[in-house]
Amino acid sequence: QVKFVESGGGLVQPGESLRLSCAASGFPGSISSMGWYRQAPGKERELVARITSAGSSPHYADSVKGRFTISRDNAKNVVYLQMNSLKPEDTAMYYCNRAPVTFGSWGQGTQVTVSS
């Protein structure tokens, strides 16, 4: 079945960086556009970055543009999110899934907390 395992989150100070990883399995990931989503407490889940199956044409939400970079390794079925210049408002649980149309199942996510 479709499975996502996210990792790499943590507690960092404003301005610091993190790199998230997502291992996907159970579907032909190499032919799927993929995305990173986040959900902050009390807010709806939002798509923050997505990338085509070929690893081109990345698209970012305005709130993260210029700070986050999405990439993928199709040989390993892994999607990455490099997050630089983190801000407190980036605090959320981060998930990966197909984008923009998601699968019904989600991974456990990885928590990112930005606080001084």
N, C-alpha and C. Protein backbone atom coordinates (compact mmCIF):
# COMPACT_ATOMS: atom_id res chain seq x y z
N GLN A 1 0.84 -1.18 0.00
CA GLN A 1 0.00 0.00 0.00
C GLN A 1 0.89 1.25 0.00
N VAL A 2 0.26 2.38 -0.28
CA VAL A 2 0.98 3.65 -0.30
C VAL A 2 1.46 3.98 1.10
N LYS A 3 2.72 4.36 1.17
CA LYS A 3 3.31 4.68 2.47
C LYS A 3 4.30 5.82 2.33
N PHE A 4 4.27 6.74 3.29
CA PHE A 4 5.20 7.85 3.35
C PHE A 4 5.85 7.87 4.73
N VAL A 5 7.15 8.04 4.76
CA VAL A 5 7.87 8.14 6.02
C VAL A 5 8.70 9.42 5.98
N GLU A 6 8.26 10.40 6.77
CA GLU A 6 8.94 11.69 6.82
C GLU A 6 9.92 11.74 7.99
N SER A 7 11.00 12.46 7.80
CA SER A 7 12.01 12.60 8.86
C SER A 7 12.78 13.89 8.68
N GLY A 8 13.54 14.26 9.71
CA GLY A 8 14.42 15.41 9.61
C GLY A 8 13.96 16.65 10.35
N GLY A 9 12.78 16.59 10.94
CA GLY A 9 12.30 17.74 11.68
C GLY A 9 13.05 17.94 12.98
N GLY A 10 12.71 19.03 13.67
CA GLY A 10 13.35 19.29 14.95
C GLY A 10 13.03 20.67 15.45
N LEU A 11 13.71 21.03 16.53
CA LEU A 11 13.57 22.35 17.13
C LEU A 11 14.77 23.19 16.74
N VAL A 12 14.52 24.31 16.09
CA VAL A 12 15.61 25.19 15.67
C VAL A 12 15.27 26.63 16.02
N GLN A 13 16.28 27.47 15.99
CA GLN A 13 16.07 28.89 16.24
C GLN A 13 15.77 29.61 14.92
N PRO A 14 15.12 30.75 14.99
CA PRO A 14 14.86 31.52 13.76
C PRO A 14 16.15 31.77 13.00
N GLY A 15 16.07 31.64 11.68
CA GLY A 15 17.23 31.84 10.83
C GLY A 15 18.02 30.59 10.53
N GLU A 16 17.78 29.54 11.27
CA GLU A 16 18.50 28.28 11.04
C GLU A 16 17.85 27.46 9.92
N SER A 17 18.46 26.31 9.64
CA SER A 17 18.02 25.48 8.52
C SER A 17 17.71 24.06 8.97
N LEU A 18 16.89 23.40 8.18
CA LEU A 18 16.60 21.98 8.35
C LEU A 18 16.42 21.36 6.97
N ARG A 19 16.69 20.08 6.87
CA ARG A 19 16.44 19.34 5.64
C ARG A 19 15.53 18.17 5.95
N LEU A 20 14.38 18.17 5.37
CA LEU A 20 13.42 17.09 5.56
C LEU A 20 13.56 16.05 4.45
N SER A 21 13.29 14.81 4.80
CA SER A 21 13.31 13.72 3.83
C SER A 21 11.99 12.96 3.89
N CYS A 22 11.59 12.43 2.76
CA CYS A 22 10.37 11.64 2.70
C CYS A 22 10.63 10.42 1.83
N ALA A 23 10.51 9.25 2.44
CA ALA A 23 10.64 8.00 1.69
C ALA A 23 9.25 7.52 1.31
N ALA A 24 9.04 7.36 0.01
CA ALA A 24 7.74 6.95 -0.48
C ALA A 24 7.80 5.54 -1.03
N SER A 25 6.72 4.80 -0.85
CA SER A 25 6.67 3.44 -1.38
C SER A 25 5.22 3.06 -1.69
N GLY A 26 5.07 1.99 -2.44
CA GLY A 26 3.74 1.47 -2.73
C GLY A 26 3.07 2.06 -3.95
N PHE A 27 3.77 2.91 -4.67
CA PHE A 27 3.21 3.46 -5.89
C PHE A 27 4.39 3.89 -6.76
N PRO A 28 4.15 4.09 -8.06
CA PRO A 28 5.26 4.47 -8.94
C PRO A 28 5.65 5.93 -8.73
N GLY A 29 6.42 6.18 -7.70
CA GLY A 29 6.76 7.54 -7.34
C GLY A 29 7.48 8.30 -8.43
N SER A 30 8.22 7.57 -9.25
CA SER A 30 9.03 8.25 -10.27
C SER A 30 8.16 8.91 -11.33
N ILE A 31 6.88 8.57 -11.41
CA ILE A 31 6.02 9.19 -12.42
C ILE A 31 4.97 10.07 -11.78
N SER A 32 5.16 10.38 -10.51
CA SER A 32 4.20 11.22 -9.79
C SER A 32 4.82 12.54 -9.39
N SER A 33 4.08 13.61 -9.57
CA SER A 33 4.50 14.87 -8.96
C SER A 33 4.32 14.73 -7.46
N MET A 34 5.25 15.27 -6.73
CA MET A 34 5.23 15.12 -5.27
C MET A 34 5.26 16.49 -4.61
N GLY A 35 4.80 16.52 -3.38
CA GLY A 35 4.77 17.79 -2.68
C GLY A 35 5.01 17.64 -1.20
N TRP A 36 5.38 18.74 -0.60
CA TRP A 36 5.48 18.84 0.86
C TRP A 36 4.32 19.72 1.33
N TYR A 37 3.68 19.24 2.38
CA TYR A 37 2.55 19.93 2.97
C TYR A 37 2.88 20.21 4.43
N ARG A 38 2.19 21.17 5.01
CA ARG A 38 2.36 21.41 6.43
C ARG A 38 1.03 21.79 7.05
N GLN A 39 0.93 21.48 8.33
CA GLN A 39 -0.28 21.81 9.08
C GLN A 39 0.11 22.33 10.44
N ALA A 40 -0.24 23.58 10.69
CA ALA A 40 0.01 24.19 11.98
C ALA A 40 -1.22 23.99 12.86
N PRO A 41 -1.05 24.04 14.18
CA PRO A 41 -2.18 23.85 15.08
C PRO A 41 -3.31 24.83 14.76
N GLY A 42 -4.52 24.28 14.62
CA GLY A 42 -5.68 25.12 14.36
C GLY A 42 -5.82 25.60 12.93
N LYS A 43 -4.93 25.14 12.07
CA LYS A 43 -5.00 25.56 10.67
C LYS A 43 -5.17 24.36 9.75
N GLU A 44 -5.60 24.64 8.53
CA GLU A 44 -5.74 23.57 7.55
C GLU A 44 -4.38 23.21 6.97
N ARG A 45 -4.29 21.98 6.49
CA ARG A 45 -3.08 21.55 5.83
C ARG A 45 -2.90 22.33 4.52
N GLU A 46 -1.67 22.77 4.25
CA GLU A 46 -1.41 23.54 3.05
C GLU A 46 -0.22 22.95 2.29
N LEU A 47 -0.27 23.10 0.98
CA LEU A 47 0.82 22.66 0.13
C LEU A 47 1.85 23.77 0.08
N VAL A 48 3.09 23.47 0.46
CA VAL A 48 4.12 24.51 0.47
C VAL A 48 5.10 24.38 -0.68
N ALA A 49 5.25 23.18 -1.23
CA ALA A 49 6.18 23.01 -2.35
C ALA A 49 5.81 21.75 -3.11
N ARG A 50 5.98 21.79 -4.43
CA ARG A 50 5.75 20.60 -5.23
C ARG A 50 6.72 20.56 -6.38
N ILE A 51 6.93 19.35 -6.89
CA ILE A 51 7.93 19.15 -7.93
C ILE A 51 7.41 18.09 -8.88
N THR A 52 7.73 18.22 -10.15
CA THR A 52 7.24 17.26 -11.13
C THR A 52 7.97 15.93 -11.00
N SER A 53 7.47 14.96 -11.72
CA SER A 53 8.08 13.62 -11.66
C SER A 53 9.52 13.65 -12.14
N ALA A 54 9.83 14.54 -13.05
CA ALA A 54 11.19 14.64 -13.58
C ALA A 54 12.10 15.49 -12.71
N GLY A 55 11.54 16.05 -11.65
CA GLY A 55 12.36 16.88 -10.77
C GLY A 55 12.53 18.30 -11.27
N SER A 56 11.64 18.72 -12.12
CA SER A 56 11.73 20.07 -12.67
C SER A 56 10.52 20.90 -12.24
N SER A 57 10.54 22.14 -12.64
CA SER A 57 9.43 23.07 -12.41
C SER A 57 8.92 23.07 -10.98
N PRO A 58 9.80 23.31 -10.02
CA PRO A 58 9.31 23.39 -8.65
C PRO A 58 8.39 24.58 -8.46
N HIS A 59 7.41 24.40 -7.59
CA HIS A 59 6.45 25.47 -7.30
C HIS A 59 6.38 25.62 -5.79
N TYR A 60 6.35 26.87 -5.33
CA TYR A 60 6.36 27.15 -3.91
C TYR A 60 5.23 28.08 -3.51
N ALA A 61 4.75 27.87 -2.31
CA ALA A 61 3.82 28.84 -1.74
C ALA A 61 4.57 30.14 -1.51
N ASP A 62 3.86 31.25 -1.61
CA ASP A 62 4.50 32.55 -1.44
C ASP A 62 5.21 32.68 -0.10
N SER A 63 4.67 32.04 0.90
CA SER A 63 5.22 32.17 2.25
C SER A 63 6.60 31.53 2.40
N VAL A 64 6.98 30.65 1.49
CA VAL A 64 8.27 29.96 1.62
C VAL A 64 9.18 30.21 0.42
N LYS A 65 8.69 30.93 -0.57
CA LYS A 65 9.46 31.17 -1.79
C LYS A 65 10.76 31.87 -1.46
N GLY A 66 11.86 31.36 -2.02
CA GLY A 66 13.16 31.95 -1.78
C GLY A 66 13.87 31.39 -0.56
N ARG A 67 13.16 30.63 0.26
CA ARG A 67 13.76 30.05 1.47
C ARG A 67 13.77 28.53 1.43
N PHE A 68 12.77 27.93 0.81
CA PHE A 68 12.66 26.47 0.76
C PHE A 68 13.00 25.98 -0.64
N THR A 69 13.59 24.78 -0.70
CA THR A 69 13.91 24.15 -1.98
C THR A 69 13.49 22.69 -1.93
N ILE A 70 12.67 22.29 -2.87
CA ILE A 70 12.24 20.90 -2.97
C ILE A 70 13.07 20.19 -4.03
N SER A 71 13.41 18.95 -3.75
CA SER A 71 14.15 18.14 -4.72
C SER A 71 13.75 16.68 -4.54
N ARG A 72 14.21 15.85 -5.45
CA ARG A 72 13.86 14.44 -5.34
C ARG A 72 14.94 13.56 -5.94
N ASP A 73 14.99 12.33 -5.46
CA ASP A 73 15.89 11.31 -5.99
C ASP A 73 15.01 10.14 -6.39
N ASN A 74 14.70 10.04 -7.67
CA ASN A 74 13.78 9.00 -8.12
C ASN A 74 14.36 7.60 -7.97
N ALA A 75 15.66 7.49 -8.02
CA ALA A 75 16.28 6.17 -7.85
C ALA A 75 16.02 5.62 -6.45
N LYS A 76 15.90 6.53 -5.49
CA LYS A 76 15.68 6.12 -4.10
C LYS A 76 14.23 6.33 -3.66
N ASN A 77 13.40 6.91 -4.53
CA ASN A 77 12.02 7.25 -4.15
C ASN A 77 11.99 8.14 -2.91
N VAL A 78 12.83 9.15 -2.90
CA VAL A 78 12.92 10.06 -1.78
C VAL A 78 12.71 11.49 -2.28
N VAL A 79 11.97 12.25 -1.49
CA VAL A 79 11.74 13.66 -1.77
C VAL A 79 12.31 14.46 -0.60
N TYR A 80 12.97 15.55 -0.90
CA TYR A 80 13.61 16.38 0.12
C TYR A 80 12.99 17.77 0.16
N LEU A 81 13.13 18.40 1.32
CA LEU A 81 12.76 19.81 1.45
C LEU A 81 13.84 20.49 2.26
N GLN A 82 14.64 21.30 1.59
CA GLN A 82 15.65 22.10 2.27
C GLN A 82 14.99 23.39 2.71
N MET A 83 15.04 23.66 4.00
CA MET A 83 14.40 24.84 4.56
C MET A 83 15.46 25.73 5.19
N ASN A 84 15.62 26.90 4.63
CA ASN A 84 16.58 27.87 5.14
C ASN A 84 15.86 29.08 5.70
N SER A 85 16.59 29.86 6.49
CA SER A 85 16.03 31.09 7.07
C SER A 85 14.67 30.83 7.70
N LEU A 86 14.61 29.82 8.53
CA LEU A 86 13.33 29.44 9.12
C LEU A 86 12.79 30.53 10.03
N LYS A 87 11.48 30.63 10.04
CA LYS A 87 10.77 31.63 10.83
C LYS A 87 9.82 30.93 11.80
N PRO A 88 9.44 31.59 12.88
CA PRO A 88 8.49 30.97 13.81
C PRO A 88 7.20 30.53 13.12
N GLU A 89 6.77 31.26 12.11
CA GLU A 89 5.54 30.89 11.41
C GLU A 89 5.68 29.65 10.54
N ASP A 90 6.89 29.12 10.43
CA ASP A 90 7.08 27.84 9.73
C ASP A 90 6.81 26.66 10.64
N THR A 91 6.59 26.92 11.91
CA THR A 91 6.31 25.85 12.86
C THR A 91 5.05 25.10 12.46
N ALA A 92 5.19 23.79 12.27
CA ALA A 92 4.08 22.96 11.82
C ALA A 92 4.53 21.51 11.76
N MET A 93 3.56 20.63 11.54
CA MET A 93 3.88 19.25 11.18
C MET A 93 3.98 19.22 9.67
N TYR A 94 5.05 18.62 9.17
CA TYR A 94 5.29 18.57 7.73
C TYR A 94 5.07 17.15 7.21
N TYR A 95 4.39 17.07 6.07
CA TYR A 95 4.05 15.80 5.45
C TYR A 95 4.42 15.84 3.97
N CYS A 96 4.65 14.67 3.39
CA CYS A 96 4.78 14.61 1.94
C CYS A 96 3.65 13.74 1.39
N ASN A 97 3.33 13.95 0.13
CA ASN A 97 2.29 13.19 -0.55
C ASN A 97 2.36 13.55 -2.01
N ARG A 98 1.60 12.88 -2.81
CA ARG A 98 1.49 13.25 -4.21
C ARG A 98 0.89 14.66 -4.26
N ALA A 99 1.19 15.38 -5.32
CA ALA A 99 0.69 16.75 -5.45
C ALA A 99 0.34 17.03 -6.91
N PRO A 100 -0.67 17.83 -7.14
CA PRO A 100 -1.54 18.43 -6.13
C PRO A 100 -2.67 17.51 -5.67
N VAL A 101 -2.87 16.39 -6.34
CA VAL A 101 -3.93 15.45 -5.93
C VAL A 101 -3.28 14.41 -5.02
N THR A 102 -3.69 14.40 -3.78
CA THR A 102 -3.02 13.52 -2.81
C THR A 102 -3.64 12.13 -2.78
N PHE A 103 -2.85 11.20 -2.26
CA PHE A 103 -3.40 9.91 -1.89
C PHE A 103 -4.18 10.08 -0.59
N GLY A 104 -5.06 9.14 -0.32
CA GLY A 104 -5.85 9.22 0.90
C GLY A 104 -5.06 8.97 2.16
N SER A 105 -3.96 8.21 2.03
CA SER A 105 -3.19 7.90 3.22
C SER A 105 -2.03 8.88 3.37
N TRP A 106 -1.72 9.19 4.62
CA TRP A 106 -0.65 10.11 4.95
C TRP A 106 0.32 9.44 5.92
N GLY A 107 1.55 9.92 5.92
CA GLY A 107 2.53 9.44 6.89
C GLY A 107 2.31 10.10 8.24
N GLN A 108 3.22 9.81 9.15
CA GLN A 108 3.09 10.36 10.50
C GLN A 108 3.56 11.81 10.57
N GLY A 109 4.25 12.25 9.54
CA GLY A 109 4.74 13.62 9.52
C GLY A 109 6.01 13.79 10.34
N THR A 110 6.62 14.95 10.21
CA THR A 110 7.79 15.30 11.02
C THR A 110 7.58 16.72 11.52
N GLN A 111 7.77 16.91 12.81
CA GLN A 111 7.48 18.19 13.46
C GLN A 111 8.65 19.15 13.29
N VAL A 112 8.33 20.35 12.84
CA VAL A 112 9.31 21.43 12.76
C VAL A 112 8.85 22.53 13.70
N THR A 113 9.72 22.89 14.63
CA THR A 113 9.42 23.95 15.58
C THR A 113 10.52 24.99 15.51
N VAL A 114 10.13 26.22 15.22
CA VAL A 114 11.08 27.32 15.11
C VAL A 114 10.80 28.29 16.26
N SER A 115 11.73 28.35 17.17
CA SER A 115 11.51 29.17 18.37
C SER A 115 12.84 29.58 18.96
N SER A 116 12.86 30.79 19.51
CA SER A 116 14.07 31.25 20.19
C SER A 116 13.96 30.97 21.68
